[in-house]
PDB file of N, CA and C in Angstrom:
ATOM      1  N   MET A   1     -62.833 -61.891   4.760  1.00  0.00           N
ATOM      2  CA  MET A   1     -63.482 -62.279   3.512  1.00  0.00           C
ATOM      3  C   MET A   1     -63.656 -61.045   2.645  1.00  0.00           C
ATOM      4  N   ALA A   2     -63.675 -61.279   1.363  1.00  0.00           N
ATOM      5  CA  ALA A   2     -63.827 -60.175   0.418  1.00  0.00           C
ATOM      6  C   ALA A   2     -65.252 -59.629   0.495  1.00  0.00           C
ATOM      7  N   LYS A   3     -65.413 -58.432  -0.047  1.00  0.00           N
ATOM      8  CA  LYS A   3     -66.760 -57.881  -0.127  1.00  0.00           C
ATOM      9  C   LYS A   3     -67.610 -58.787  -0.997  1.00  0.00           C
ATOM     10  N   ARG A   4     -68.895 -58.630  -0.910  1.00  0.00           N
ATOM     11  CA  ARG A   4     -69.800 -59.576  -1.562  1.00  0.00           C
ATOM     12  C   ARG A   4     -70.158 -59.229  -2.997  1.00  0.00           C
ATOM     13  N   THR A   5     -69.418 -58.321  -3.626  1.00  0.00           N
ATOM     14  CA  THR A   5     -69.696 -58.070  -5.033  1.00  0.00           C
ATOM     15  C   THR A   5     -69.108 -59.208  -5.858  1.00  0.00           C
ATOM     16  N   LYS A   6     -69.646 -59.424  -7.024  1.00  0.00           N
ATOM     17  CA  LYS A   6     -69.177 -60.529  -7.870  1.00  0.00           C
ATOM     18  C   LYS A   6     -67.709 -60.380  -8.229  1.00  0.00           C
ATOM     19  N   SER A   7     -67.310 -59.168  -8.553  1.00  0.00           N
ATOM     20  CA  SER A   7     -65.915 -58.958  -8.955  1.00  0.00           C
ATOM     21  C   SER A   7     -64.964 -59.176  -7.780  1.00  0.00           C
ATOM     22  N   ALA A   8     -65.378 -58.782  -6.578  1.00  0.00           N
ATOM     23  CA  ALA A   8     -64.528 -58.974  -5.404  1.00  0.00           C
ATOM     24  C   ALA A   8     -64.414 -60.455  -5.058  1.00  0.00           C
ATOM     25  N   LEU A   9     -65.503 -61.195  -5.204  1.00  0.00           N
ATOM     26  CA  LEU A   9     -65.470 -62.630  -4.933  1.00  0.00           C
ATOM     27  C   LEU A   9     -64.562 -63.342  -5.931  1.00  0.00           C
ATOM     28  N   LYS A  10     -64.658 -62.941  -7.191  1.00  0.00           N
ATOM     29  CA  LYS A  10     -63.799 -63.552  -8.209  1.00  0.00           C
ATOM     30  C   LYS A  10     -62.336 -63.211  -7.947  1.00  0.00           C
ATOM     31  N   ALA A  11     -62.060 -61.965  -7.601  1.00  0.00           N
ATOM     32  CA  ALA A  11     -60.684 -61.564  -7.308  1.00  0.00           C
ATOM     33  C   ALA A  11     -60.138 -62.355  -6.127  1.00  0.00           C
ATOM     34  N   ASN A  12     -60.972 -62.602  -5.147  1.00  0.00           N
ATOM     35  CA  ASN A  12     -60.549 -63.384  -3.992  1.00  0.00           C
ATOM     36  C   ASN A  12     -60.224 -64.824  -4.398  1.00  0.00           C
ATOM     37  N   ARG A  13     -61.050 -65.413  -5.254  1.00  0.00           N
ATOM     38  CA  ARG A  13     -60.782 -66.779  -5.744  1.00  0.00           C
ATOM     39  C   ARG A  13     -59.460 -66.820  -6.505  1.00  0.00           C
ATOM     40  N   GLN A  14     -59.230 -65.819  -7.342  1.00  0.00           N
ATOM     41  CA  GLN A  14     -57.983 -65.766  -8.108  1.00  0.00           C
ATOM     42  C   GLN A  14     -56.772 -65.615  -7.193  1.00  0.00           C
ATOM     43  N   ASN A  15     -56.894 -64.783  -6.167  1.00  0.00           N
ATOM     44  CA  ASN A  15     -55.794 -64.586  -5.229  1.00  0.00           C
ATOM     45  C   ASN A  15     -55.443 -65.879  -4.511  1.00  0.00           C
ATOM     46  N   ILE A  16     -56.457 -66.633  -4.139  1.00  0.00           N
ATOM     47  CA  ILE A  16     -56.224 -67.908  -3.448  1.00  0.00           C
ATOM     48  C   ILE A  16     -55.478 -68.875  -4.361  1.00  0.00           C
ATOM     49  N   LYS A  17     -55.909 -68.965  -5.608  1.00  0.00           N
ATOM     50  CA  LYS A  17     -55.245 -69.866  -6.554  1.00  0.00           C
ATOM     51  C   LYS A  17     -53.809 -69.427  -6.820  1.00  0.00           C
ATOM     52  N   ARG A  18     -53.606 -68.129  -7.032  1.00  0.00           N
ATOM     53  CA  ARG A  18     -52.255 -67.621  -7.301  1.00  0.00           C
ATOM     54  C   ARG A  18     -51.332 -67.833  -6.110  1.00  0.00           C
ATOM     55  N   ARG A  19     -51.850 -67.586  -4.911  1.00  0.00           N
ATOM     56  CA  ARG A  19     -51.029 -67.745  -3.714  1.00  0.00           C
ATOM     57  C   ARG A  19     -50.571 -69.194  -3.565  1.00  0.00           C
ATOM     58  N   GLU A  20     -51.485 -70.128  -3.789  1.00  0.00           N
ATOM     59  CA  GLU A  20     -51.123 -71.550  -3.692  1.00  0.00           C
ATOM     60  C   GLU A  20     -50.108 -71.938  -4.760  1.00  0.00           C
ATOM     61  N   HIS A  21     -50.302 -71.452  -5.980  1.00  0.00           N
ATOM     62  CA  HIS A  21     -49.368 -71.749  -7.061  1.00  0.00           C
ATOM     63  C   HIS A  21     -47.980 -71.191  -6.754  1.00  0.00           C
ATOM     64  N   ASN A  22     -47.939 -69.942  -6.268  1.00  0.00           N
ATOM     65  CA  ASN A  22     -46.661 -69.330  -5.938  1.00  0.00           C
ATOM     66  C   ASN A  22     -45.969 -70.061  -4.792  1.00  0.00           C
ATOM     67  N   ARG A  23     -46.741 -70.552  -3.823  1.00  0.00           N
ATOM     68  CA  ARG A  23     -46.156 -71.317  -2.716  1.00  0.00           C
ATOM     69  C   ARG A  23     -45.519 -72.605  -3.238  1.00  0.00           C
ATOM     70  N   GLN A  24     -46.191 -73.270  -4.164  1.00  0.00           N
ATOM     71  CA  GLN A  24     -45.643 -74.500  -4.748  1.00  0.00           C
ATOM     72  C   GLN A  24     -44.357 -74.211  -5.512  1.00  0.00           C
ATOM     73  N   MET A  25     -44.341 -73.119  -6.251  1.00  0.00           N
ATOM     74  CA  MET A  25     -43.152 -72.765  -7.022  1.00  0.00           C
ATOM     75  C   MET A  25     -41.973 -72.422  -6.109  1.00  0.00           C
ATOM     76  N   ARG A  26     -42.241 -71.662  -5.050  1.00  0.00           N
ATOM     77  CA  ARG A  26     -41.171 -71.336  -4.100  1.00  0.00           C
ATOM     78  C   ARG A  26     -40.642 -72.592  -3.417  1.00  0.00           C
ATOM     79  N   SER A  27     -41.538 -73.525  -3.131  1.00  0.00           N
ATOM     80  CA  SER A  27     -41.118 -74.781  -2.512  1.00  0.00           C
ATOM     81  C   SER A  27     -40.225 -75.569  -3.462  1.00  0.00           C
ATOM     82  N   LYS A  28     -40.595 -75.592  -4.732  1.00  0.00           N
ATOM     83  CA  LYS A  28     -39.783 -76.282  -5.740  1.00  0.00           C
ATOM     84  C   LYS A  28     -38.400 -75.639  -5.848  1.00  0.00           C
ATOM     85  N   LEU A  29     -38.359 -74.321  -5.793  1.00  0.00           N
ATOM     86  CA  LEU A  29     -37.096 -73.589  -5.852  1.00  0.00           C
ATOM     87  C   LEU A  29     -36.222 -73.917  -4.650  1.00  0.00           C
ATOM     88  N   ARG A  30     -36.802 -73.895  -3.463  1.00  0.00           N
ATOM     89  CA  ARG A  30     -36.029 -74.181  -2.252  1.00  0.00           C
ATOM     90  C   ARG A  30     -35.487 -75.602  -2.272  1.00  0.00           C
ATOM     91  N   THR A  31     -36.290 -76.543  -2.770  1.00  0.00           N
ATOM     92  CA  THR A  31     -35.842 -77.935  -2.861  1.00  0.00           C
ATOM     93  C   THR A  31     -34.673 -78.064  -3.823  1.00  0.00           C
ATOM     94  N   ALA A  32     -34.743 -77.369  -4.952  1.00  0.00           N
ATOM     95  CA  ALA A  32     -33.659 -77.419  -5.931  1.00  0.00           C
ATOM     96  C   ALA A  32     -32.382 -76.814  -5.346  1.00  0.00           C
ATOM     97  N   LEU A  33     -32.514 -75.702  -4.638  1.00  0.00           N
ATOM     98  CA  LEU A  33     -31.344 -75.078  -4.011  1.00  0.00           C
ATOM     99  C   LEU A  33     -30.739 -76.000  -2.956  1.00  0.00           C
ATOM    100  N   LYS A  34     -31.598 -76.664  -2.207  1.00  0.00           N
ATOM    101  CA  LYS A  34     -31.119 -77.568  -1.169  1.00  0.00           C
ATOM    102  C   LYS A  34     -30.389 -78.760  -1.777  1.00  0.00           C
ATOM    103  N   SER A  35     -30.895 -79.278  -2.897  1.00  0.00           N
ATOM    104  CA  SER A  35     -30.271 -80.450  -3.516  1.00  0.00           C
ATOM    105  C   SER A  35     -28.899 -80.117  -4.096  1.00  0.00           C
ATOM    106  N   ILE A  36     -28.773 -78.947  -4.729  1.00  0.00           N
ATOM    107  CA  ILE A  36     -27.463 -78.593  -5.288  1.00  0.00           C
ATOM    108  C   ILE A  36     -26.464 -78.312  -4.180  1.00  0.00           C
ATOM    109  N   ARG A  37     -26.919 -77.697  -3.090  1.00  0.00           N
ATOM    110  CA  ARG A  37     -26.010 -77.464  -1.961  1.00  0.00           C
ATOM    111  C   ARG A  37     -25.548 -78.785  -1.356  1.00  0.00           C
ATOM    112  N   ALA A  38     -26.455 -79.756  -1.269  1.00  0.00           N
ATOM    113  CA  ALA A  38     -26.098 -81.064  -0.713  1.00  0.00           C
ATOM    114  C   ALA A  38     -25.082 -81.767  -1.601  1.00  0.00           C
ATOM    115  N   SER A  39     -25.257 -81.685  -2.918  1.00  0.00           N
ATOM    116  CA  SER A  39     -24.305 -82.340  -3.818  1.00  0.00           C
ATOM    117  C   SER A  39     -22.948 -81.632  -3.785  1.00  0.00           C
ATOM    118  N   LEU A  40     -22.944 -80.311  -3.586  1.00  0.00           N
ATOM    119  CA  LEU A  40     -21.678 -79.596  -3.462  1.00  0.00           C
ATOM    120  C   LEU A  40     -20.974 -79.971  -2.154  1.00  0.00           C
ATOM    121  N   ASP A  41     -21.736 -80.130  -1.087  1.00  0.00           N
ATOM    122  CA  ASP A  41     -21.144 -80.524   0.190  1.00  0.00           C
ATOM    123  C   ASP A  41     -20.576 -81.932   0.122  1.00  0.00           C
ATOM    124  N   ALA A  42     -21.206 -82.802  -0.696  1.00  0.00           N
ATOM    125  CA  ALA A  42     -20.748 -84.185  -0.835  1.00  0.00           C
ATOM    126  C   ALA A  42     -19.642 -84.321  -1.872  1.00  0.00           C
ATOM    127  N   LYS A  43     -19.202 -83.195  -2.457  1.00  0.00           N
ATOM    128  CA  LYS A  43     -18.142 -83.184  -3.480  1.00  0.00           C
ATOM    129  C   LYS A  43     -18.519 -83.981  -4.731  1.00  0.00           C
ATOM    130  N   ASP A  44     -19.804 -84.055  -5.009  1.00  0.00           N
ATOM    131  CA  ASP A  44     -20.293 -84.748  -6.203  1.00  0.00           C
ATOM    132  C   ASP A  44     -20.365 -83.733  -7.338  1.00  0.00           C
ATOM    133  N   LEU A  45     -19.259 -83.575  -8.073  1.00  0.00           N
ATOM    134  CA  LEU A  45     -19.176 -82.510  -9.072  1.00  0.00           C
ATOM    135  C   LEU A  45     -20.078 -82.759 -10.274  1.00  0.00           C
ATOM    136  N   GLY A  46     -20.170 -84.015 -10.713  1.00  0.00           N
ATOM    137  CA  GLY A  46     -21.039 -84.316 -11.858  1.00  0.00           C
ATOM    138  C   GLY A  46     -22.490 -84.009 -11.544  1.00  0.00           C
ATOM    139  N   GLY A  47     -22.933 -84.445 -10.383  1.00  0.00           N
ATOM    140  CA  GLY A  47     -24.308 -84.172  -9.970  1.00  0.00           C
ATOM    141  C   GLY A  47     -24.543 -82.692  -9.734  1.00  0.00           C
ATOM    142  N   ALA A  48     -23.528 -82.026  -9.218  1.00  0.00           N
ATOM    143  CA  ALA A  48     -23.666 -80.601  -8.932  1.00  0.00           C
ATOM    144  C   ALA A  48     -23.797 -79.791 -10.221  1.00  0.00           C
ATOM    145  N   LYS A  49     -23.027 -80.154 -11.239  1.00  0.00           N
ATOM    146  CA  LYS A  49     -23.110 -79.413 -12.505  1.00  0.00           C
ATOM    147  C   LYS A  49     -24.474 -79.617 -13.165  1.00  0.00           C
ATOM    148  N   ALA A  50     -24.977 -80.858 -13.124  1.00  0.00           N
ATOM    149  CA  ALA A  50     -26.304 -81.117 -13.690  1.00  0.00           C
ATOM    150  C   ALA A  50     -27.377 -80.389 -12.892  1.00  0.00           C
ATOM    151  N   ALA A  51     -27.236 -80.414 -11.576  1.00  0.00           N
ATOM    152  CA  ALA A  51     -28.209 -79.739 -10.725  1.00  0.00           C
ATOM    153  C   ALA A  51     -28.141 -78.232 -10.910  1.00  0.00           C
ATOM    154  N   LEU A  52     -26.955 -77.701 -11.189  1.00  0.00           N
ATOM    155  CA  LEU A  52     -26.813 -76.255 -11.388  1.00  0.00           C
ATOM    156  C   LEU A  52     -27.609 -75.800 -12.600  1.00  0.00           C
ATOM    157  N   ASN A  53     -27.518 -76.543 -13.693  1.00  0.00           N
ATOM    158  CA  ASN A  53     -28.270 -76.168 -14.890  1.00  0.00           C
ATOM    159  C   ASN A  53     -29.771 -76.168 -14.619  1.00  0.00           C
ATOM    160  N   ALA A  54     -30.253 -77.204 -13.944  1.00  0.00           N
ATOM    161  CA  ALA A  54     -31.685 -77.285 -13.641  1.00  0.00           C
ATOM    162  C   ALA A  54     -32.101 -76.178 -12.676  1.00  0.00           C
ATOM    163  N   THR A  55     -31.268 -75.914 -11.698  1.00  0.00           N
ATOM    164  CA  THR A  55     -31.593 -74.902 -10.696  1.00  0.00           C
ATOM    165  C   THR A  55     -31.595 -73.503 -11.300  1.00  0.00           C
ATOM    166  N   VAL A  56     -30.635 -73.216 -12.161  1.00  0.00           N
ATOM    167  CA  VAL A  56     -30.588 -71.904 -12.809  1.00  0.00           C
ATOM    168  C   VAL A  56     -31.839 -71.694 -13.657  1.00  0.00           C
ATOM    169  N   SER A  57     -32.284 -72.737 -14.320  1.00  0.00           N
ATOM    170  CA  SER A  57     -33.498 -72.641 -15.114  1.00  0.00           C
ATOM    171  C   SER A  57     -34.707 -72.320 -14.236  1.00  0.00           C
ATOM    172  N   ILE A  58     -34.805 -73.002 -13.101  1.00  0.00           N
ATOM    173  CA  ILE A  58     -35.925 -72.752 -12.183  1.00  0.00           C
ATOM    174  C   ILE A  58     -35.855 -71.334 -11.623  1.00  0.00           C
ATOM    175  N   VAL A  59     -34.662 -70.897 -11.262  1.00  0.00           N
ATOM    176  CA  VAL A  59     -34.481 -69.547 -10.706  1.00  0.00           C
ATOM    177  C   VAL A  59     -34.902 -68.498 -11.738  1.00  0.00           C
ATOM    178  N   ASP A  60     -34.499 -68.687 -12.989  1.00  0.00           N
ATOM    179  CA  ASP A  60     -34.874 -67.731 -14.035  1.00  0.00           C
ATOM    180  C   ASP A  60     -36.379 -67.699 -14.251  1.00  0.00           C
ATOM    181  N   LYS A  61     -37.015 -68.863 -14.212  1.00  0.00           N
ATOM    182  CA  LYS A  61     -38.470 -68.903 -14.378  1.00  0.00           C
ATOM    183  C   LYS A  61     -39.172 -68.166 -13.248  1.00  0.00           C
ATOM    184  N   MET A  62     -38.699 -68.367 -12.033  1.00  0.00           N
ATOM    185  CA  MET A  62     -39.320 -67.703 -10.886  1.00  0.00           C
ATOM    186  C   MET A  62     -39.165 -66.183 -10.995  1.00  0.00           C
ATOM    187  N   ALA A  63     -37.998 -65.739 -11.443  1.00  0.00           N
ATOM    188  CA  ALA A  63     -37.759 -64.296 -11.580  1.00  0.00           C
ATOM    189  C   ALA A  63     -38.623 -63.711 -12.697  1.00  0.00           C
ATOM    190  N   SER A  64     -38.763 -64.433 -13.793  1.00  0.00           N
ATOM    191  CA  SER A  64     -39.544 -63.897 -14.908  1.00  0.00           C
ATOM    192  C   SER A  64     -41.027 -63.821 -14.564  1.00  0.00           C
ATOM    193  N   LYS A  65     -41.488 -64.705 -13.700  1.00  0.00           N
ATOM    194  CA  LYS A  65     -42.898 -64.694 -13.304  1.00  0.00           C
ATOM    195  C   LYS A  65     -43.163 -63.777 -12.120  1.00  0.00           C
ATOM    196  N   GLY A  66     -42.101 -63.214 -11.547  1.00  0.00           N
ATOM    197  CA  GLY A  66     -42.278 -62.273 -10.450  1.00  0.00           C
ATOM    198  C   GLY A  66     -42.432 -62.933  -9.093  1.00  0.00           C
ATOM    199  N   ILE A  67     -42.139 -64.217  -9.007  1.00  0.00           N
ATOM    200  CA  ILE A  67     -42.264 -64.910  -7.725  1.00  0.00           C
ATOM    201  C   ILE A  67     -41.104 -64.530  -6.814  1.00  0.00           C
ATOM    202  N   ILE A  68     -39.921 -64.364  -7.407  1.00  0.00           N
ATOM    203  CA  ILE A  68     -38.791 -63.806  -6.670  1.00  0.00           C
ATOM    204  C   ILE A  68     -38.274 -62.609  -7.456  1.00  0.00           C
ATOM    205  N   HIS A  69     -37.586 -61.720  -6.788  1.00  0.00           N
ATOM    206  CA  HIS A  69     -37.050 -60.523  -7.435  1.00  0.00           C
ATOM    207  C   HIS A  69     -35.882 -60.906  -8.338  1.00  0.00           C
ATOM    208  N   ARG A  70     -35.681 -60.155  -9.407  1.00  0.00           N
ATOM    209  CA  ARG A  70     -34.617 -60.505 -10.354  1.00  0.00           C
ATOM    210  C   ARG A  70     -33.236 -60.375  -9.734  1.00  0.00           C
ATOM    211  N   ASN A  71     -33.050 -59.446  -8.805  1.00  0.00           N
ATOM    212  CA  ASN A  71     -31.762 -59.340  -8.125  1.00  0.00           C
ATOM    213  C   ASN A  71     -31.517 -60.538  -7.218  1.00  0.00           C
ATOM    214  N   THR A  72     -32.566 -61.032  -6.612  1.00  0.00           N
ATOM    215  CA  THR A  72     -32.459 -62.230  -5.784  1.00  0.00           C
ATOM    216  C   THR A  72     -32.062 -63.424  -6.651  1.00  0.00           C
ATOM    217  N   ALA A  73     -32.655 -63.514  -7.824  1.00  0.00           N
ATOM    218  CA  ALA A  73     -32.319 -64.596  -8.752  1.00  0.00           C
ATOM    219  C   ALA A  73     -30.848 -64.515  -9.145  1.00  0.00           C
ATOM    220  N   GLY A  74     -30.378 -63.326  -9.456  1.00  0.00           N
ATOM    221  CA  GLY A  74     -28.980 -63.155  -9.813  1.00  0.00           C
ATOM    222  C   GLY A  74     -28.050 -63.522  -8.675  1.00  0.00           C
ATOM    223  N   ARG A  75     -28.452 -63.162  -7.467  1.00  0.00           N
ATOM    224  CA  ARG A  75     -27.632 -63.479  -6.296  1.00  0.00           C
ATOM    225  C   ARG A  75     -27.552 -64.993  -6.079  1.00  0.00           C
ATOM    226  N   TYR A  76     -28.684 -65.686  -6.218  1.00  0.00           N
ATOM    227  CA  TYR A  76     -28.687 -67.149  -6.088  1.00  0.00           C
ATOM    228  C   TYR A  76     -27.746 -67.791  -7.101  1.00  0.00           C
ATOM    229  N   LYS A  77     -27.881 -67.369  -8.364  1.00  0.00           N
ATOM    230  CA  LYS A  77     -27.078 -67.963  -9.424  1.00  0.00           C
ATOM    231  C   LYS A  77     -25.598 -67.674  -9.222  1.00  0.00           C
ATOM    232  N   SER A  78     -25.286 -66.452  -8.833  1.00  0.00           N
ATOM    233  CA  SER A  78     -23.893 -66.078  -8.627  1.00  0.00           C
ATOM    234  C   SER A  78     -23.269 -66.875  -7.493  1.00  0.00           C
ATOM    235  N   ARG A  79     -23.969 -67.003  -6.397  1.00  0.00           N
ATOM    236  CA  ARG A  79     -23.432 -67.725  -5.247  1.00  0.00           C
ATOM    237  C   ARG A  79     -23.251 -69.206  -5.552  1.00  0.00           C
ATOM    238  N   LEU A  80     -24.219 -69.779  -6.269  1.00  0.00           N
ATOM    239  CA  LEU A  80     -24.112 -71.208  -6.593  1.00  0.00           C
ATOM    240  C   LEU A  80     -22.946 -71.469  -7.532  1.00  0.00           C
ATOM    241  N   SER A  81     -22.809 -70.640  -8.560  1.00  0.00           N
ATOM    242  CA  SER A  81     -21.720 -70.866  -9.513  1.00  0.00           C
ATOM    243  C   SER A  81     -20.362 -70.609  -8.863  1.00  0.00           C
ATOM    244  N   ALA A  82     -20.285 -69.626  -7.978  1.00  0.00           N
ATOM    245  CA  ALA A  82     -19.028 -69.360  -7.281  1.00  0.00           C
ATOM    246  C   ALA A  82     -18.669 -70.519  -6.361  1.00  0.00           C
ATOM    247  N   ARG A  83     -19.683 -71.064  -5.716  1.00  0.00           N
ATOM    248  CA  ARG A  83     -19.436 -72.200  -4.819  1.00  0.00           C
ATOM    249  C   ARG A  83     -19.007 -73.437  -5.599  1.00  0.00           C
ATOM    250  N   LEU A  84     -19.598 -73.630  -6.779  1.00  0.00           N
ATOM    251  CA  LEU A  84     -19.206 -74.755  -7.632  1.00  0.00           C
ATOM    252  C   LEU A  84     -17.764 -74.577  -8.099  1.00  0.00           C
ATOM    253  N   THR A  85     -17.406 -73.364  -8.516  1.00  0.00           N
ATOM    254  CA  THR A  85     -16.044 -73.088  -8.966  1.00  0.00           C
ATOM    255  C   THR A  85     -15.050 -73.303  -7.842  1.00  0.00           C
ATOM    256  N   LYS A  86     -15.419 -72.864  -6.645  1.00  0.00           N
ATOM    257  CA  LYS A  86     -14.530 -73.042  -5.495  1.00  0.00           C
ATOM    258  C   LYS A  86     -14.348 -74.520  -5.148  1.00  0.00           C
ATOM    259  N   THR A  87     -15.404 -75.325  -5.301  1.00  0.00           N
ATOM    260  CA  THR A  87     -15.339 -76.751  -5.005  1.00  0.00           C
ATOM    261  C   THR A  87     -14.462 -77.469  -6.025  1.00  0.00           C
ATOM    262  N   VAL A  88     -14.548 -77.047  -7.290  1.00  0.00           N
ATOM    263  CA  VAL A  88     -13.751 -77.674  -8.351  1.00  0.00           C
ATOM    264  C   VAL A  88     -12.267 -77.377  -8.136  1.00  0.00           C
ATOM    265  N   ALA A  89     -11.965 -76.159  -7.764  1.00  0.00           N
ATOM    266  CA  ALA A  89     -10.568 -75.743  -7.611  1.00  0.00           C
ATOM    267  C   ALA A  89      -9.895 -76.349  -6.394  1.00  0.00           C
TER     268      ALA A  89
END
């Protein structure tokens, strides 16, 4: 538990809220990545292209908010687009 000063208690409350919010965002990101991978495995190109746009948007938001590192975001986007291109070809 945090120290009993008012500022420490408030900081602890904020940390709890931020941690929960970040967990929800990471979960949303993982779900989006899983859905696009599933559509690519099923050779559903129309669904995969739509899912790619939504997933790239989520990845960029997570990187801008600092939930994931920007290099990690770039790696996710690069791998997904390369996999989509390979599936189309």
